[in-house]
Full PDB file with SEQRES, HELIX, SHEET, SSBOND, CRYST1, ORIGX, SCALE, CONECT and MASTER records, all heavy atoms in Angstrom:
SEQRES   1 A   41  PRO HIS ALA LEU TRP LEU ARG GLY SER PRO ASN ALA PRO          
SEQRES   2 A   41  ALA GLY GLU ARG ALA ILE ALA LEU VAL GLY ALA ARG ALA          
SEQRES   3 A   41  ALA SER GLY TYR GLY GLU HIS VAL THR LEU GLU ALA ALA          
SEQRES   4 A   41  ALA GLY                                                      
HELIX    1 AA1 ALA A   12  ALA A   14  5                                   3    
HELIX    2 AA2 GLY A   29  ALA A   40  1                                  12    
CRYST1    1.000    1.000    1.000  90.00  90.00  90.00 P 1           1          
ORIGX1      1.000000  0.000000  0.000000        0.00000                         
ORIGX2      0.000000  1.000000  0.000000        0.00000                         
ORIGX3      0.000000  0.000000  1.000000        0.00000                         
SCALE1      1.000000  0.000000  0.000000        0.00000                         
SCALE2      0.000000  1.000000  0.000000        0.00000                         
SCALE3      0.000000  0.000000  1.000000        0.00000                         
ATOM      1  N   PRO A   1      -0.773   9.905  11.828  1.00  0.00           N  
ATOM      2  CA  PRO A   1      -0.058  10.811  12.707  1.00  0.00           C  
ATOM      3  C   PRO A   1       0.306  12.143  11.953  1.00  0.00           C  
ATOM      4  O   PRO A   1       0.550  12.094  10.659  1.00  0.00           O  
ATOM      5  CB  PRO A   1       1.211  10.011  13.028  1.00  0.00           C  
ATOM      6  CG  PRO A   1       1.308   8.982  11.904  1.00  0.00           C  
ATOM      7  CD  PRO A   1      -0.113   8.652  11.540  1.00  0.00           C  
ATOM      8  N   HIS A   2       0.379  13.288  12.651  1.00  0.00           N  
ATOM      9  CA  HIS A   2       0.763  14.521  12.030  1.00  0.00           C  
ATOM     10  C   HIS A   2       2.279  14.494  11.709  1.00  0.00           C  
ATOM     11  O   HIS A   2       2.729  15.048  10.717  1.00  0.00           O  
ATOM     12  CB  HIS A   2       0.454  15.608  13.003  1.00  0.00           C  
ATOM     13  CG  HIS A   2      -0.967  15.679  13.409  1.00  0.00           C  
ATOM     14  ND1 HIS A   2      -1.995  16.132  12.557  1.00  0.00           N  
ATOM     15  CD2 HIS A   2      -1.600  15.482  14.558  1.00  0.00           C  
ATOM     16  CE1 HIS A   2      -3.143  16.153  13.228  1.00  0.00           C  
ATOM     17  NE2 HIS A   2      -2.914  15.691  14.353  1.00  0.00           N  
ATOM     18  N   ALA A   3       3.022  13.805  12.592  1.00  0.00           N  
ATOM     19  CA  ALA A   3       4.457  13.630  12.421  1.00  0.00           C  
ATOM     20  C   ALA A   3       4.885  12.596  13.369  1.00  0.00           C  
ATOM     21  O   ALA A   3       4.122  12.259  14.296  1.00  0.00           O  
ATOM     22  CB  ALA A   3       5.223  15.000  12.646  1.00  0.00           C  
ATOM     23  N   LEU A   4       6.130  12.201  13.267  1.00  0.00           N  
ATOM     24  CA  LEU A   4       6.604  11.172  14.262  1.00  0.00           C  
ATOM     25  C   LEU A   4       7.956  11.651  14.800  1.00  0.00           C  
ATOM     26  O   LEU A   4       8.720  12.281  14.035  1.00  0.00           O  
ATOM     27  CB  LEU A   4       6.760   9.776  13.625  1.00  0.00           C  
ATOM     28  CG  LEU A   4       5.516   9.068  13.072  1.00  0.00           C  
ATOM     29  CD1 LEU A   4       5.752   7.912  12.192  1.00  0.00           C  
ATOM     30  CD2 LEU A   4       4.599   8.700  14.288  1.00  0.00           C  
ATOM     31  N   TRP A   5       8.235  11.283  16.054  1.00  0.00           N  
ATOM     32  CA  TRP A   5       9.555  11.598  16.681  1.00  0.00           C  
ATOM     33  C   TRP A   5      10.351  10.339  16.640  1.00  0.00           C  
ATOM     34  O   TRP A   5       9.915   9.294  17.239  1.00  0.00           O  
ATOM     35  CB  TRP A   5       9.272  12.140  18.088  1.00  0.00           C  
ATOM     36  CG  TRP A   5       8.424  13.354  18.133  1.00  0.00           C  
ATOM     37  CD1 TRP A   5       7.080  13.388  18.156  1.00  0.00           C  
ATOM     38  CD2 TRP A   5       8.897  14.663  18.129  1.00  0.00           C  
ATOM     39  NE1 TRP A   5       6.596  14.725  18.121  1.00  0.00           N  
ATOM     40  CE2 TRP A   5       7.659  15.501  18.163  1.00  0.00           C  
ATOM     41  CE3 TRP A   5      10.183  15.256  18.137  1.00  0.00           C  
ATOM     42  CZ2 TRP A   5       7.789  16.930  18.249  1.00  0.00           C  
ATOM     43  CZ3 TRP A   5      10.215  16.653  18.219  1.00  0.00           C  
ATOM     44  CH2 TRP A   5       9.052  17.443  18.164  1.00  0.00           C  
ATOM     45  N   LEU A   6      11.496  10.383  16.012  1.00  0.00           N  
ATOM     46  CA  LEU A   6      12.293   9.209  15.734  1.00  0.00           C  
ATOM     47  C   LEU A   6      13.642   9.327  16.421  1.00  0.00           C  
ATOM     48  O   LEU A   6      14.330  10.310  16.133  1.00  0.00           O  
ATOM     49  CB  LEU A   6      12.302   8.939  14.230  1.00  0.00           C  
ATOM     50  CG  LEU A   6      13.158   7.807  13.706  1.00  0.00           C  
ATOM     51  CD1 LEU A   6      12.516   7.207  12.493  1.00  0.00           C  
ATOM     52  CD2 LEU A   6      14.633   8.154  13.503  1.00  0.00           C  
ATOM     53  N   ARG A   7      14.114   8.214  16.970  1.00  0.00           N  
ATOM     54  CA  ARG A   7      15.403   8.126  17.507  1.00  0.00           C  
ATOM     55  C   ARG A   7      16.072   6.839  16.908  1.00  0.00           C  
ATOM     56  O   ARG A   7      15.632   5.760  17.154  1.00  0.00           O  
ATOM     57  CB  ARG A   7      15.370   8.086  18.996  1.00  0.00           C  
ATOM     58  CG  ARG A   7      16.638   8.553  19.758  1.00  0.00           C  
ATOM     59  CD  ARG A   7      16.468   8.616  21.208  1.00  0.00           C  
ATOM     60  NE  ARG A   7      17.662   8.998  21.875  1.00  0.00           N  
ATOM     61  CZ  ARG A   7      17.753   9.069  23.204  1.00  0.00           C  
ATOM     62  NH1 ARG A   7      16.773   8.629  23.967  1.00  0.00           N  
ATOM     63  NH2 ARG A   7      18.934   9.431  23.685  1.00  0.00           N  
ATOM     64  N   GLY A   8      17.084   7.052  16.142  1.00  0.00           N  
ATOM     65  CA  GLY A   8      17.765   5.881  15.398  1.00  0.00           C  
ATOM     66  C   GLY A   8      17.922   6.193  13.977  1.00  0.00           C  
ATOM     67  O   GLY A   8      18.115   7.295  13.543  1.00  0.00           O  
ATOM     68  N   SER A   9      17.815   5.102  13.122  1.00  0.00           N  
ATOM     69  CA  SER A   9      17.942   5.291  11.740  1.00  0.00           C  
ATOM     70  C   SER A   9      16.722   5.806  11.049  1.00  0.00           C  
ATOM     71  O   SER A   9      15.631   5.297  11.155  1.00  0.00           O  
ATOM     72  CB  SER A   9      18.202   3.870  11.053  1.00  0.00           C  
ATOM     73  OG  SER A   9      18.213   3.905   9.685  1.00  0.00           O  
ATOM     74  N   PRO A  10      16.785   6.979  10.363  1.00  0.00           N  
ATOM     75  CA  PRO A  10      15.653   7.659   9.837  1.00  0.00           C  
ATOM     76  C   PRO A  10      14.878   6.688   8.806  1.00  0.00           C  
ATOM     77  O   PRO A  10      13.738   6.925   8.583  1.00  0.00           O  
ATOM     78  CB  PRO A  10      16.152   8.873   9.164  1.00  0.00           C  
ATOM     79  CG  PRO A  10      17.522   9.097   9.810  1.00  0.00           C  
ATOM     80  CD  PRO A  10      18.022   7.757  10.062  1.00  0.00           C  
ATOM     81  N   ASN A  11      15.586   5.852   8.115  1.00  0.00           N  
ATOM     82  CA  ASN A  11      14.963   5.023   7.071  1.00  0.00           C  
ATOM     83  C   ASN A  11      14.425   3.757   7.568  1.00  0.00           C  
ATOM     84  O   ASN A  11      13.735   3.007   6.780  1.00  0.00           O  
ATOM     85  CB  ASN A  11      15.992   4.766   5.944  1.00  0.00           C  
ATOM     86  CG  ASN A  11      16.344   6.063   5.198  1.00  0.00           C  
ATOM     87  OD1 ASN A  11      15.516   6.874   4.888  1.00  0.00           O  
ATOM     88  ND2 ASN A  11      17.650   6.222   4.929  1.00  0.00           N  
ATOM     89  N   ALA A  12      14.598   3.436   8.878  1.00  0.00           N  
ATOM     90  CA  ALA A  12      14.229   2.097   9.373  1.00  0.00           C  
ATOM     91  C   ALA A  12      12.712   1.811   9.278  1.00  0.00           C  
ATOM     92  O   ALA A  12      12.317   0.695   8.939  1.00  0.00           O  
ATOM     93  CB  ALA A  12      14.688   2.004  10.855  1.00  0.00           C  
ATOM     94  N   PRO A  13      11.816   2.819   9.590  1.00  0.00           N  
ATOM     95  CA  PRO A  13      10.391   2.517   9.499  1.00  0.00           C  
ATOM     96  C   PRO A  13       9.801   2.299   8.097  1.00  0.00           C  
ATOM     97  O   PRO A  13       8.687   1.901   7.967  1.00  0.00           O  
ATOM     98  CB  PRO A  13       9.753   3.647  10.274  1.00  0.00           C  
ATOM     99  CG  PRO A  13      10.699   4.834   9.974  1.00  0.00           C  
ATOM    100  CD  PRO A  13      12.091   4.183   9.985  1.00  0.00           C  
ATOM    101  N   ALA A  14      10.590   2.673   7.024  1.00  0.00           N  
ATOM    102  CA  ALA A  14       9.924   2.692   5.711  1.00  0.00           C  
ATOM    103  C   ALA A  14      10.086   1.417   4.889  1.00  0.00           C  
ATOM    104  O   ALA A  14       9.657   1.383   3.836  1.00  0.00           O  
ATOM    105  CB  ALA A  14      10.540   3.897   4.911  1.00  0.00           C  
ATOM    106  N   GLY A  15      10.742   0.413   5.450  1.00  0.00           N  
ATOM    107  CA  GLY A  15      10.969  -0.834   4.730  1.00  0.00           C  
ATOM    108  C   GLY A  15       9.711  -1.576   4.343  1.00  0.00           C  
ATOM    109  O   GLY A  15       8.707  -1.669   5.165  1.00  0.00           O  
ATOM    110  N   GLU A  16       9.637  -2.118   3.093  1.00  0.00           N  
ATOM    111  CA  GLU A  16       8.418  -2.888   2.705  1.00  0.00           C  
ATOM    112  C   GLU A  16       8.444  -4.222   3.450  1.00  0.00           C  
ATOM    113  O   GLU A  16       7.347  -4.790   3.745  1.00  0.00           O  
ATOM    114  CB  GLU A  16       8.471  -3.109   1.172  1.00  0.00           C  
ATOM    115  CG  GLU A  16       8.248  -1.819   0.326  1.00  0.00           C  
ATOM    116  CD  GLU A  16       8.237  -2.121  -1.100  1.00  0.00           C  
ATOM    117  OE1 GLU A  16       8.332  -3.289  -1.491  1.00  0.00           O  
ATOM    118  OE2 GLU A  16       8.133  -1.215  -1.844  1.00  0.00           O  
ATOM    119  N   ARG A  17       9.593  -4.821   3.657  1.00  0.00           N  
ATOM    120  CA  ARG A  17       9.690  -6.115   4.312  1.00  0.00           C  
ATOM    121  C   ARG A  17       9.659  -5.944   5.847  1.00  0.00           C  
ATOM    122  O   ARG A  17      10.744  -6.148   6.431  1.00  0.00           O  
ATOM    123  CB  ARG A  17      10.809  -6.861   3.767  1.00  0.00           C  
ATOM    124  CG  ARG A  17      10.686  -7.153   2.257  1.00  0.00           C  
ATOM    125  CD  ARG A  17      11.828  -7.975   1.727  1.00  0.00           C  
ATOM    126  NE  ARG A  17      11.786  -9.348   2.311  1.00  0.00           N  
ATOM    127  CZ  ARG A  17      12.215 -10.463   1.622  1.00  0.00           C  
ATOM    128  NH1 ARG A  17      12.724 -10.299   0.503  1.00  0.00           N  
ATOM    129  NH2 ARG A  17      12.167 -11.669   2.223  1.00  0.00           N  
ATOM    130  N   ALA A  18       8.635  -5.553   6.368  1.00  0.00           N  
ATOM    131  CA  ALA A  18       8.495  -5.394   7.815  1.00  0.00           C  
ATOM    132  C   ALA A  18       7.267  -6.197   8.253  1.00  0.00           C  
ATOM    133  O   ALA A  18       6.262  -6.260   7.589  1.00  0.00           O  
ATOM    134  CB  ALA A  18       8.356  -3.941   8.213  1.00  0.00           C  
ATOM    135  N   ILE A  19       7.433  -6.906   9.388  1.00  0.00           N  
ATOM    136  CA  ILE A  19       6.289  -7.673   9.844  1.00  0.00           C  
ATOM    137  C   ILE A  19       6.242  -7.474  11.452  1.00  0.00           C  
ATOM    138  O   ILE A  19       7.219  -7.315  12.098  1.00  0.00           O  
ATOM    139  CB  ILE A  19       6.605  -9.188   9.606  1.00  0.00           C  
ATOM    140  CG1 ILE A  19       5.301 -10.011   9.930  1.00  0.00           C  
ATOM    141  CG2 ILE A  19       7.779  -9.777  10.318  1.00  0.00           C  
ATOM    142  CD1 ILE A  19       5.362 -11.411   9.287  1.00  0.00           C  
ATOM    143  N   ALA A  20       5.043  -7.268  11.862  1.00  0.00           N  
ATOM    144  CA  ALA A  20       4.752  -6.989  13.369  1.00  0.00           C  
ATOM    145  C   ALA A  20       4.579  -8.295  14.100  1.00  0.00           C  
ATOM    146  O   ALA A  20       3.753  -9.150  13.721  1.00  0.00           O  
ATOM    147  CB  ALA A  20       3.567  -6.125  13.465  1.00  0.00           C  
ATOM    148  N   LEU A  21       5.365  -8.488  15.157  1.00  0.00           N  
ATOM    149  CA  LEU A  21       5.168  -9.608  15.985  1.00  0.00           C  
ATOM    150  C   LEU A  21       4.772  -9.035  17.362  1.00  0.00           C  
ATOM    151  O   LEU A  21       5.510  -8.292  18.047  1.00  0.00           O  
ATOM    152  CB  LEU A  21       6.466 -10.427  16.157  1.00  0.00           C  
ATOM    153  CG  LEU A  21       7.115 -11.038  14.940  1.00  0.00           C  
ATOM    154  CD1 LEU A  21       8.328 -11.888  15.285  1.00  0.00           C  
ATOM    155  CD2 LEU A  21       6.065 -11.881  14.158  1.00  0.00           C  
ATOM    156  N   VAL A  22       3.549  -9.332  17.825  1.00  0.00           N  
ATOM    157  CA  VAL A  22       3.003  -8.742  19.054  1.00  0.00           C  
ATOM    158  C   VAL A  22       2.370  -9.831  19.862  1.00  0.00           C  
ATOM    159  O   VAL A  22       2.155 -10.927  19.405  1.00  0.00           O  
ATOM    160  CB  VAL A  22       1.952  -7.671  18.728  1.00  0.00           C  
ATOM    161  CG1 VAL A  22       2.590  -6.522  17.940  1.00  0.00           C  
ATOM    162  CG2 VAL A  22       0.767  -8.275  17.927  1.00  0.00           C  
ATOM    163  N   GLY A  23       2.193  -9.506  21.146  1.00  0.00           N  
ATOM    164  CA  GLY A  23       1.555 -10.542  22.006  1.00  0.00           C  
ATOM    165  C   GLY A  23       1.575 -10.008  23.461  1.00  0.00           C  
ATOM    166  O   GLY A  23       1.760  -8.864  23.893  1.00  0.00           O  
ATOM    167  N   ALA A  24       1.229 -10.943  24.391  1.00  0.00           N  
ATOM    168  CA  ALA A  24       1.024 -10.651  25.819  1.00  0.00           C  
ATOM    169  C   ALA A  24       2.252 -10.222  26.482  1.00  0.00           C  
ATOM    170  O   ALA A  24       3.342 -10.710  26.163  1.00  0.00           O  
ATOM    171  CB  ALA A  24       0.427 -11.934  26.457  1.00  0.00           C  
ATOM    172  N   ARG A  25       2.087  -9.309  27.416  1.00  0.00           N  
ATOM    173  CA  ARG A  25       3.236  -8.889  28.362  1.00  0.00           C  
ATOM    174  C   ARG A  25       3.533 -10.088  29.239  1.00  0.00           C  
ATOM    175  O   ARG A  25       4.729 -10.324  29.459  1.00  0.00           O  
ATOM    176  CB  ARG A  25       2.804  -7.681  29.123  1.00  0.00           C  
ATOM    177  CG  ARG A  25       2.819  -6.396  28.334  1.00  0.00           C  
ATOM    178  CD  ARG A  25       2.392  -5.171  29.153  1.00  0.00           C  
ATOM    179  NE  ARG A  25       2.457  -3.975  28.419  1.00  0.00           N  
ATOM    180  CZ  ARG A  25       1.621  -3.528  27.564  1.00  0.00           C  
ATOM    181  NH1 ARG A  25       0.538  -4.232  27.243  1.00  0.00           N  
ATOM    182  NH2 ARG A  25       1.841  -2.371  26.949  1.00  0.00           N  
ATOM    183  N   ALA A  26       2.555 -10.783  29.763  1.00  0.00           N  
ATOM    184  CA  ALA A  26       2.835 -11.877  30.685  1.00  0.00           C  
ATOM    185  C   ALA A  26       2.935 -13.078  29.835  1.00  0.00           C  
ATOM    186  O   ALA A  26       2.137 -14.045  29.879  1.00  0.00           O  
ATOM    187  CB  ALA A  26       1.700 -11.973  31.678  1.00  0.00           C  
ATOM    188  N   ALA A  27       4.060 -13.231  29.079  1.00  0.00           N  
ATOM    189  CA  ALA A  27       4.197 -14.298  28.185  1.00  0.00           C  
ATOM    190  C   ALA A  27       4.641 -15.556  28.828  1.00  0.00           C  
ATOM    191  O   ALA A  27       5.354 -15.496  29.846  1.00  0.00           O  
ATOM    192  CB  ALA A  27       5.202 -13.933  27.048  1.00  0.00           C  
ATOM    193  N   SER A  28       4.258 -16.733  28.383  1.00  0.00           N  
ATOM    194  CA  SER A  28       4.691 -18.009  28.871  1.00  0.00           C  
ATOM    195  C   SER A  28       6.051 -18.350  28.264  1.00  0.00           C  
ATOM    196  O   SER A  28       6.417 -17.738  27.253  1.00  0.00           O  
ATOM    197  CB  SER A  28       3.682 -19.062  28.589  1.00  0.00           C  
ATOM    198  OG  SER A  28       3.601 -19.351  27.261  1.00  0.00           O  
ATOM    199  N   GLY A  29       6.691 -19.393  28.787  1.00  0.00           N  
ATOM    200  CA  GLY A  29       7.920 -19.852  28.191  1.00  0.00           C  
ATOM    201  C   GLY A  29       7.756 -20.293  26.724  1.00  0.00           C  
ATOM    202  O   GLY A  29       8.563 -20.131  25.850  1.00  0.00           O  
ATOM    203  N   TYR A  30       6.483 -20.963  26.493  1.00  0.00           N  
ATOM    204  CA  TYR A  30       6.172 -21.337  25.201  1.00  0.00           C  
ATOM    205  C   TYR A  30       6.052 -20.181  24.195  1.00  0.00           C  
ATOM    206  O   TYR A  30       6.614 -20.180  23.098  1.00  0.00           O  
ATOM    207  CB  TYR A  30       4.852 -22.064  25.230  1.00  0.00           C  
ATOM    208  CG  TYR A  30       4.093 -22.295  23.866  1.00  0.00           C  
ATOM    209  CD1 TYR A  30       4.518 -23.291  22.999  1.00  0.00           C  
ATOM    210  CD2 TYR A  30       3.123 -21.379  23.460  1.00  0.00           C  
ATOM    211  CE1 TYR A  30       3.877 -23.429  21.738  1.00  0.00           C  
ATOM    212  CE2 TYR A  30       2.479 -21.509  22.246  1.00  0.00           C  
ATOM    213  CZ  TYR A  30       2.889 -22.559  21.385  1.00  0.00           C  
ATOM    214  OH  TYR A  30       2.263 -22.682  20.098  1.00  0.00           O  
ATOM    215  N   GLY A  31       5.417 -19.119  24.626  1.00  0.00           N  
ATOM    216  CA  GLY A  31       5.166 -17.966  23.805  1.00  0.00           C  
ATOM    217  C   GLY A  31       6.538 -17.315  23.496  1.00  0.00           C  
ATOM    218  O   GLY A  31       6.700 -16.828  22.310  1.00  0.00           O  
ATOM    219  N   GLU A  32       7.417 -17.170  24.405  1.00  0.00           N  
ATOM    220  CA  GLU A  32       8.712 -16.510  24.222  1.00  0.00           C  
ATOM    221  C   GLU A  32       9.518 -17.435  23.245  1.00  0.00           C  
ATOM    222  O   GLU A  32      10.211 -16.853  22.425  1.00  0.00           O  
ATOM    223  CB  GLU A  32       9.399 -16.256  25.505  1.00  0.00           C  
ATOM    224  CG  GLU A  32       8.728 -15.185  26.371  1.00  0.00           C  
ATOM    225  CD  GLU A  32       9.671 -14.602  27.430  1.00  0.00           C  
ATOM    226  OE1 GLU A  32      10.809 -15.142  27.515  1.00  0.00           O  
ATOM    227  OE2 GLU A  32       9.269 -13.578  28.054  1.00  0.00           O  
ATOM    228  N   HIS A  33       9.461 -18.770  23.444  1.00  0.00           N  
ATOM    229  CA  HIS A  33      10.239 -19.603  22.632  1.00  0.00           C  
ATOM    230  C   HIS A  33       9.826 -19.498  21.136  1.00  0.00           C  
ATOM    231  O   HIS A  33      10.671 -19.363  20.211  1.00  0.00           O  
ATOM    232  CB  HIS A  33      10.148 -21.079  23.059  1.00  0.00           C  
ATOM    233  CG  HIS A  33      10.709 -22.098  22.180  1.00  0.00           C  
ATOM    234  ND1 HIS A  33      12.067 -22.247  22.110  1.00  0.00           N  
ATOM    235  CD2 HIS A  33      10.083 -22.967  21.227  1.00  0.00           C  
ATOM    236  CE1 HIS A  33      12.345 -23.220  21.236  1.00  0.00           C  
ATOM    237  NE2 HIS A  33      11.193 -23.622  20.664  1.00  0.00           N  
ATOM    238  N   VAL A  34       8.529 -19.514  20.898  1.00  0.00           N  
ATOM    239  CA  VAL A  34       8.035 -19.530  19.570  1.00  0.00           C  
ATOM    240  C   VAL A  34       8.378 -18.065  18.943  1.00  0.00           C  
ATOM    241  O   VAL A  34       8.775 -18.018  17.758  1.00  0.00           O  
ATOM    242  CB  VAL A  34       6.455 -19.703  19.555  1.00  0.00           C  
ATOM    243  CG1 VAL A  34       5.899 -19.378  18.121  1.00  0.00           C  
ATOM    244  CG2 VAL A  34       6.154 -21.087  20.008  1.00  0.00           C  
ATOM    245  N   THR A  35       8.328 -17.048  19.745  1.00  0.00           N  
ATOM    246  CA  THR A  35       8.661 -15.710  19.264  1.00  0.00           C  
ATOM    247  C   THR A  35      10.158 -15.639  18.876  1.00  0.00           C  
ATOM    248  O   THR A  35      10.465 -15.045  17.858  1.00  0.00           O  
ATOM    249  CB  THR A  35       8.295 -14.613  20.289  1.00  0.00           C  
ATOM    250  OG1 THR A  35       6.928 -14.743  20.596  1.00  0.00           O  
ATOM    251  CG2 THR A  35       8.619 -13.187  19.846  1.00  0.00           C  
ATOM    252  N   LEU A  36      10.967 -16.090  19.716  1.00  0.00           N  
ATOM    253  CA  LEU A  36      12.440 -16.100  19.470  1.00  0.00           C  
ATOM    254  C   LEU A  36      12.740 -16.817  18.142  1.00  0.00           C  
ATOM    255  O   LEU A  36      13.511 -16.331  17.298  1.00  0.00           O  
ATOM    256  CB  LEU A  36      13.210 -16.729  20.569  1.00  0.00           C  
ATOM    257  CG  LEU A  36      13.179 -15.932  21.913  1.00  0.00           C  
ATOM    258  CD1 LEU A  36      13.863 -16.745  22.980  1.00  0.00           C  
ATOM    259  CD2 LEU A  36      13.913 -14.639  21.796  1.00  0.00           C  
ATOM    260  N   GLU A  37      12.170 -17.997  17.944  1.00  0.00           N  
ATOM    261  CA  GLU A  37      12.385 -18.758  16.783  1.00  0.00           C  
ATOM    262  C   GLU A  37      11.888 -18.016  15.521  1.00  0.00           C  
ATOM    263  O   GLU A  37      12.467 -17.975  14.453  1.00  0.00           O  
ATOM    264  CB  GLU A  37      11.765 -20.194  16.891  1.00  0.00           C  
ATOM    265  CG  GLU A  37      12.355 -21.049  17.948  1.00  0.00           C  
ATOM    266  CD  GLU A  37      13.731 -21.555  17.480  1.00  0.00           C  
ATOM    267  OE1 GLU A  37      13.873 -21.745  16.271  1.00  0.00           O  
ATOM    268  OE2 GLU A  37      14.545 -21.793  18.347  1.00  0.00           O  
ATOM    269  N   ALA A  38      10.653 -17.512  15.613  1.00  0.00           N  
ATOM    270  CA  ALA A  38      10.062 -16.815  14.506  1.00  0.00           C  
ATOM    271  C   ALA A  38      10.805 -15.593  14.067  1.00  0.00           C  
ATOM    272  O   ALA A  38      11.110 -15.326  12.916  1.00  0.00           O  
ATOM    273  CB  ALA A  38       8.626 -16.495  14.811  1.00  0.00           C  
ATOM    274  N   ALA A  39      11.153 -14.732  15.085  1.00  0.00           N  
ATOM    275  CA  ALA A  39      11.868 -13.461  14.715  1.00  0.00           C  
ATOM    276  C   ALA A  39      13.158 -13.820  14.123  1.00  0.00           C  
ATOM    277  O   ALA A  39      13.546 -13.044  13.139  1.00  0.00           O  
ATOM    278  CB  ALA A  39      11.980 -12.623  16.075  1.00  0.00           C  
ATOM    279  N   ALA A  40      13.913 -14.712  14.637  1.00  0.00           N  
ATOM    280  CA  ALA A  40      15.180 -15.023  14.032  1.00  0.00           C  
ATOM    281  C   ALA A  40      15.047 -15.580  12.644  1.00  0.00           C  
ATOM    282  O   ALA A  40      15.789 -15.155  11.738  1.00  0.00           O  
ATOM    283  CB  ALA A  40      15.870 -16.131  14.924  1.00  0.00           C  
ATOM    284  N   GLY A  41      14.091 -16.370  12.389  1.00  0.00           N  
ATOM    285  CA  GLY A  41      13.812 -16.907  11.054  1.00  0.00           C  
ATOM    286  C   GLY A  41      13.360 -15.798  10.079  1.00  0.00           C  
ATOM    287  O   GLY A  41      13.792 -15.817   8.893  1.00  0.00           O  
TER     288      GLY A  41                                                      
MASTER        0    0    0    2    0    0    0    6  287    1    0    4          
END                                                                             
């Protein structure tokens, strides 16, 4: 990117300990449950 437009904490995107959790928009109950548990952990 040439630059980024940011709203919030300016330093938030630069952390080394960042992990992307992605998936389907039409998520099942199973998918959402696993995601909630994983993100919290």
